[in-house]
């Protein structure tokens, strides 16, 4: 039974990882030299959805640091609005 629970845990973590990559769409609009160097393309070549994973890791780290859930919600909302504004303006 312990081995079955271990395997189920691994499958569950893989599912959560797949959900992170598909449900969190964070990209960067940064470009250098009139679009010849696109930062998002460089990040995607190293690891697709790296920014999404980083944001999820940040929230997980804040949860482990016992940050109040209300603050996490405020961080997510204000951060989402700020990142959207930067993406629109850039």
N, C-alpha and C. Protein backbone atom coordinates (compact mmCIF):
# COMPACT_ATOMS: atom_id res chain seq x y z
N UNK A 1 0.82 -1.19 0.00
CA UNK A 1 0.00 0.00 0.00
C UNK A 1 0.87 1.26 0.00
N UNK A 2 2.03 1.20 0.68
CA UNK A 2 2.91 2.36 0.72
C UNK A 2 3.46 2.68 -0.67
N UNK A 3 3.81 1.64 -1.42
CA UNK A 3 4.33 1.86 -2.78
C UNK A 3 3.26 2.45 -3.68
N UNK A 4 2.04 2.00 -3.53
CA UNK A 4 0.93 2.54 -4.32
C UNK A 4 0.71 4.01 -3.99
N UNK A 5 0.76 4.38 -2.71
CA UNK A 5 0.58 5.77 -2.32
C UNK A 5 1.74 6.63 -2.83
N UNK A 6 2.95 6.08 -2.84
CA UNK A 6 4.11 6.79 -3.37
C UNK A 6 3.94 7.08 -4.86
N UNK A 7 3.50 6.08 -5.62
CA UNK A 7 3.28 6.25 -7.06
C UNK A 7 2.15 7.25 -7.30
N UNK A 8 1.08 7.18 -6.52
CA UNK A 8 -0.02 8.13 -6.67
C UNK A 8 0.45 9.55 -6.39
N UNK A 9 1.34 9.71 -5.43
CA UNK A 9 1.90 11.03 -5.14
C UNK A 9 2.70 11.57 -6.31
N UNK A 10 3.49 10.71 -6.95
CA UNK A 10 4.27 11.13 -8.10
C UNK A 10 3.36 11.54 -9.25
N UNK A 11 2.33 10.75 -9.51
CA UNK A 11 1.39 11.08 -10.59
C UNK A 11 0.67 12.39 -10.28
N UNK A 12 0.32 12.59 -9.02
CA UNK A 12 -0.33 13.83 -8.62
C UNK A 12 0.57 15.04 -8.84
N UNK A 13 1.83 14.93 -8.48
CA UNK A 13 2.77 16.04 -8.69
C UNK A 13 2.99 16.31 -10.17
N UNK A 14 3.02 15.28 -10.98
CA UNK A 14 3.15 15.48 -12.43
C UNK A 14 1.92 16.20 -12.98
N UNK A 15 0.76 15.87 -12.46
CA UNK A 15 -0.47 16.54 -12.91
C UNK A 15 -0.46 18.02 -12.53
N UNK A 16 -0.02 18.31 -11.31
CA UNK A 16 0.06 19.71 -10.88
C UNK A 16 1.08 20.46 -11.73
N UNK A 17 2.19 19.84 -12.05
CA UNK A 17 3.18 20.47 -12.92
C UNK A 17 2.63 20.77 -14.30
N UNK A 18 1.86 19.85 -14.83
CA UNK A 18 1.22 20.08 -16.13
C UNK A 18 0.19 21.19 -16.07
N UNK A 19 -0.53 21.28 -14.96
CA UNK A 19 -1.52 22.35 -14.81
C UNK A 19 -0.84 23.70 -14.71
N UNK A 20 0.32 23.76 -14.06
CA UNK A 20 1.05 25.03 -13.96
C UNK A 20 1.41 25.52 -15.35
N UNK A 21 1.91 24.62 -16.17
CA UNK A 21 2.37 25.01 -17.51
C UNK A 21 1.21 25.44 -18.41
N UNK A 22 0.03 24.91 -18.20
CA UNK A 22 -1.08 25.24 -19.09
C UNK A 22 -1.99 26.34 -18.57
N UNK A 23 -2.13 26.47 -17.26
CA UNK A 23 -3.11 27.42 -16.71
C UNK A 23 -2.51 28.78 -16.35
N UNK A 24 -1.22 28.84 -16.07
CA UNK A 24 -0.59 30.11 -15.71
C UNK A 24 0.17 30.59 -16.94
N UNK A 25 -0.32 31.64 -17.55
CA UNK A 25 0.30 32.15 -18.77
C UNK A 25 1.06 33.43 -18.51
N UNK A 26 2.27 33.32 -17.99
CA UNK A 26 3.08 34.51 -17.73
C UNK A 26 4.20 34.56 -18.76
N UNK A 27 4.30 35.68 -19.46
CA UNK A 27 5.36 35.87 -20.45
C UNK A 27 5.98 37.24 -20.23
N UNK A 28 7.09 37.47 -20.86
CA UNK A 28 7.74 38.78 -20.79
C UNK A 28 7.80 39.40 -22.18
N UNK A 29 7.44 40.68 -22.29
CA UNK A 29 7.48 41.33 -23.60
C UNK A 29 8.83 41.98 -23.90
N UNK A 30 9.85 41.73 -23.06
CA UNK A 30 11.13 42.41 -23.23
C UNK A 30 11.83 41.97 -24.51
N UNK A 31 12.34 42.97 -25.25
CA UNK A 31 13.10 42.73 -26.47
C UNK A 31 14.25 43.73 -26.50
N UNK A 32 15.34 43.32 -27.10
CA UNK A 32 16.49 44.20 -27.25
C UNK A 32 16.86 44.32 -28.72
N UNK A 33 17.42 45.44 -29.07
CA UNK A 33 17.92 45.70 -30.43
C UNK A 33 16.81 45.55 -31.48
N UNK A 34 15.73 46.28 -31.28
CA UNK A 34 14.60 46.31 -32.23
C UNK A 34 14.03 44.93 -32.53
N UNK A 35 13.90 44.10 -31.53
CA UNK A 35 13.26 42.80 -31.70
C UNK A 35 14.16 41.69 -32.16
N UNK A 36 15.46 41.94 -32.30
CA UNK A 36 16.35 40.87 -32.74
C UNK A 36 16.66 39.89 -31.61
N UNK A 37 16.63 40.36 -30.37
CA UNK A 37 16.85 39.50 -29.21
C UNK A 37 15.58 39.54 -28.37
N UNK A 38 14.82 38.47 -28.39
CA UNK A 38 13.56 38.39 -27.64
C UNK A 38 13.81 37.52 -26.41
N UNK A 39 13.65 38.12 -25.24
CA UNK A 39 13.94 37.43 -23.98
C UNK A 39 13.05 36.20 -23.81
N UNK A 40 11.77 36.30 -24.18
CA UNK A 40 10.85 35.17 -24.02
C UNK A 40 11.32 33.97 -24.83
N UNK A 41 11.84 34.18 -26.03
CA UNK A 41 12.33 33.07 -26.84
C UNK A 41 13.53 32.40 -26.19
N UNK A 42 14.40 33.19 -25.58
CA UNK A 42 15.57 32.62 -24.89
C UNK A 42 15.12 31.79 -23.70
N UNK A 43 14.18 32.32 -22.91
CA UNK A 43 13.68 31.57 -21.75
C UNK A 43 12.97 30.29 -22.18
N UNK A 44 12.18 30.37 -23.24
CA UNK A 44 11.47 29.17 -23.72
C UNK A 44 12.43 28.13 -24.27
N UNK A 45 13.56 28.56 -24.83
CA UNK A 45 14.53 27.58 -25.32
C UNK A 45 15.22 26.86 -24.17
N UNK A 46 15.40 27.54 -23.03
CA UNK A 46 16.00 26.89 -21.86
C UNK A 46 15.00 25.96 -21.19
N UNK A 47 13.80 26.49 -20.93
CA UNK A 47 12.75 25.70 -20.28
C UNK A 47 11.42 26.38 -20.53
N UNK A 48 10.52 25.74 -21.28
CA UNK A 48 9.21 26.36 -21.55
C UNK A 48 8.45 26.63 -20.24
N UNK A 49 7.77 27.76 -20.21
CA UNK A 49 6.95 28.18 -19.07
C UNK A 49 7.78 28.37 -17.79
N UNK A 50 9.02 28.85 -17.94
CA UNK A 50 9.90 29.07 -16.79
C UNK A 50 9.34 30.15 -15.87
N UNK A 51 8.77 31.19 -16.41
CA UNK A 51 8.23 32.28 -15.60
C UNK A 51 7.03 31.79 -14.78
N UNK A 52 6.20 30.98 -15.39
CA UNK A 52 5.04 30.42 -14.67
C UNK A 52 5.49 29.56 -13.50
N UNK A 53 6.50 28.75 -13.74
CA UNK A 53 7.04 27.90 -12.67
C UNK A 53 7.65 28.75 -11.57
N UNK A 54 8.34 29.81 -11.94
CA UNK A 54 8.93 30.70 -10.94
C UNK A 54 7.89 31.38 -10.08
N UNK A 55 6.81 31.85 -10.70
CA UNK A 55 5.73 32.48 -9.94
C UNK A 55 5.05 31.49 -9.00
N UNK A 56 4.86 30.28 -9.47
CA UNK A 56 4.27 29.24 -8.62
C UNK A 56 5.21 28.90 -7.46
N UNK A 57 6.50 28.82 -7.76
CA UNK A 57 7.48 28.56 -6.70
C UNK A 57 7.53 29.67 -5.67
N UNK A 58 7.38 30.92 -6.13
CA UNK A 58 7.35 32.06 -5.21
C UNK A 58 6.15 31.95 -4.26
N UNK A 59 4.99 31.65 -4.80
CA UNK A 59 3.80 31.51 -3.95
C UNK A 59 3.95 30.35 -2.97
N UNK A 60 4.53 29.24 -3.43
CA UNK A 60 4.75 28.09 -2.56
C UNK A 60 5.71 28.47 -1.43
N UNK A 61 6.76 29.21 -1.77
CA UNK A 61 7.74 29.63 -0.77
C UNK A 61 7.08 30.55 0.27
N UNK A 62 6.21 31.44 -0.20
CA UNK A 62 5.51 32.33 0.73
C UNK A 62 4.57 31.55 1.64
N UNK A 63 3.94 30.51 1.10
CA UNK A 63 3.07 29.67 1.94
C UNK A 63 3.90 28.97 3.01
N UNK A 64 5.09 28.47 2.63
CA UNK A 64 5.97 27.79 3.59
C UNK A 64 6.48 28.75 4.66
N UNK A 65 6.57 30.05 4.32
CA UNK A 65 7.00 31.07 5.29
C UNK A 65 5.84 31.56 6.16
N UNK A 66 4.69 30.90 6.05
CA UNK A 66 3.49 31.21 6.84
C UNK A 66 2.97 32.62 6.61
N UNK A 67 3.01 33.08 5.36
CA UNK A 67 2.42 34.36 5.02
C UNK A 67 0.91 34.19 5.01
N UNK A 68 0.21 35.17 5.53
CA UNK A 68 -1.25 35.13 5.63
C UNK A 68 -1.87 34.94 4.24
N UNK A 69 -2.90 34.13 4.16
CA UNK A 69 -3.56 33.85 2.89
C UNK A 69 -4.14 35.11 2.26
N UNK A 70 -4.60 36.02 3.06
CA UNK A 70 -5.11 37.29 2.53
C UNK A 70 -4.03 38.07 1.81
N UNK A 71 -2.82 38.07 2.38
CA UNK A 71 -1.70 38.75 1.71
C UNK A 71 -1.32 38.05 0.41
N UNK A 72 -1.38 36.74 0.41
CA UNK A 72 -1.09 36.00 -0.83
C UNK A 72 -2.09 36.37 -1.92
N UNK A 73 -3.34 36.51 -1.55
CA UNK A 73 -4.36 36.90 -2.50
C UNK A 73 -4.11 38.31 -3.03
N UNK A 74 -3.75 39.23 -2.13
CA UNK A 74 -3.44 40.60 -2.54
C UNK A 74 -2.23 40.62 -3.47
N UNK A 75 -1.20 39.86 -3.12
CA UNK A 75 -0.01 39.78 -3.97
C UNK A 75 -0.37 39.25 -5.36
N UNK A 76 -1.20 38.22 -5.41
CA UNK A 76 -1.59 37.64 -6.70
C UNK A 76 -2.41 38.62 -7.54
N UNK A 77 -3.34 39.32 -6.91
CA UNK A 77 -4.20 40.25 -7.66
C UNK A 77 -3.41 41.47 -8.13
N UNK A 78 -2.68 42.10 -7.21
CA UNK A 78 -1.92 43.30 -7.57
C UNK A 78 -0.81 42.94 -8.55
N UNK A 79 -0.14 41.82 -8.32
CA UNK A 79 0.91 41.38 -9.24
C UNK A 79 0.36 41.08 -10.62
N UNK A 80 -0.79 40.46 -10.70
CA UNK A 80 -1.41 40.17 -11.99
C UNK A 80 -1.79 41.43 -12.74
N UNK A 81 -2.34 42.39 -12.01
CA UNK A 81 -2.69 43.66 -12.66
C UNK A 81 -1.44 44.39 -13.13
N UNK A 82 -0.41 44.41 -12.28
CA UNK A 82 0.83 45.10 -12.64
C UNK A 82 1.50 44.43 -13.84
N UNK A 83 1.55 43.11 -13.85
CA UNK A 83 2.17 42.42 -14.98
C UNK A 83 1.36 42.60 -16.25
N UNK A 84 0.05 42.66 -16.13
CA UNK A 84 -0.78 42.91 -17.32
C UNK A 84 -0.54 44.32 -17.86
N UNK A 85 -0.41 45.28 -16.95
CA UNK A 85 -0.17 46.66 -17.39
C UNK A 85 1.18 46.77 -18.08
N UNK A 86 2.18 46.11 -17.56
CA UNK A 86 3.51 46.14 -18.18
C UNK A 86 3.45 45.48 -19.55
N UNK A 87 2.72 44.39 -19.67
CA UNK A 87 2.62 43.69 -20.96
C UNK A 87 1.89 44.52 -22.00
N UNK A 88 0.91 45.29 -21.58
CA UNK A 88 0.14 46.13 -22.51
C UNK A 88 0.97 47.34 -22.93
N UNK A 89 1.69 47.93 -21.99
CA UNK A 89 2.45 49.14 -22.28
C UNK A 89 3.75 48.86 -23.05
N UNK A 90 4.29 47.68 -22.90
CA UNK A 90 5.58 47.38 -23.54
C UNK A 90 5.44 47.06 -25.01
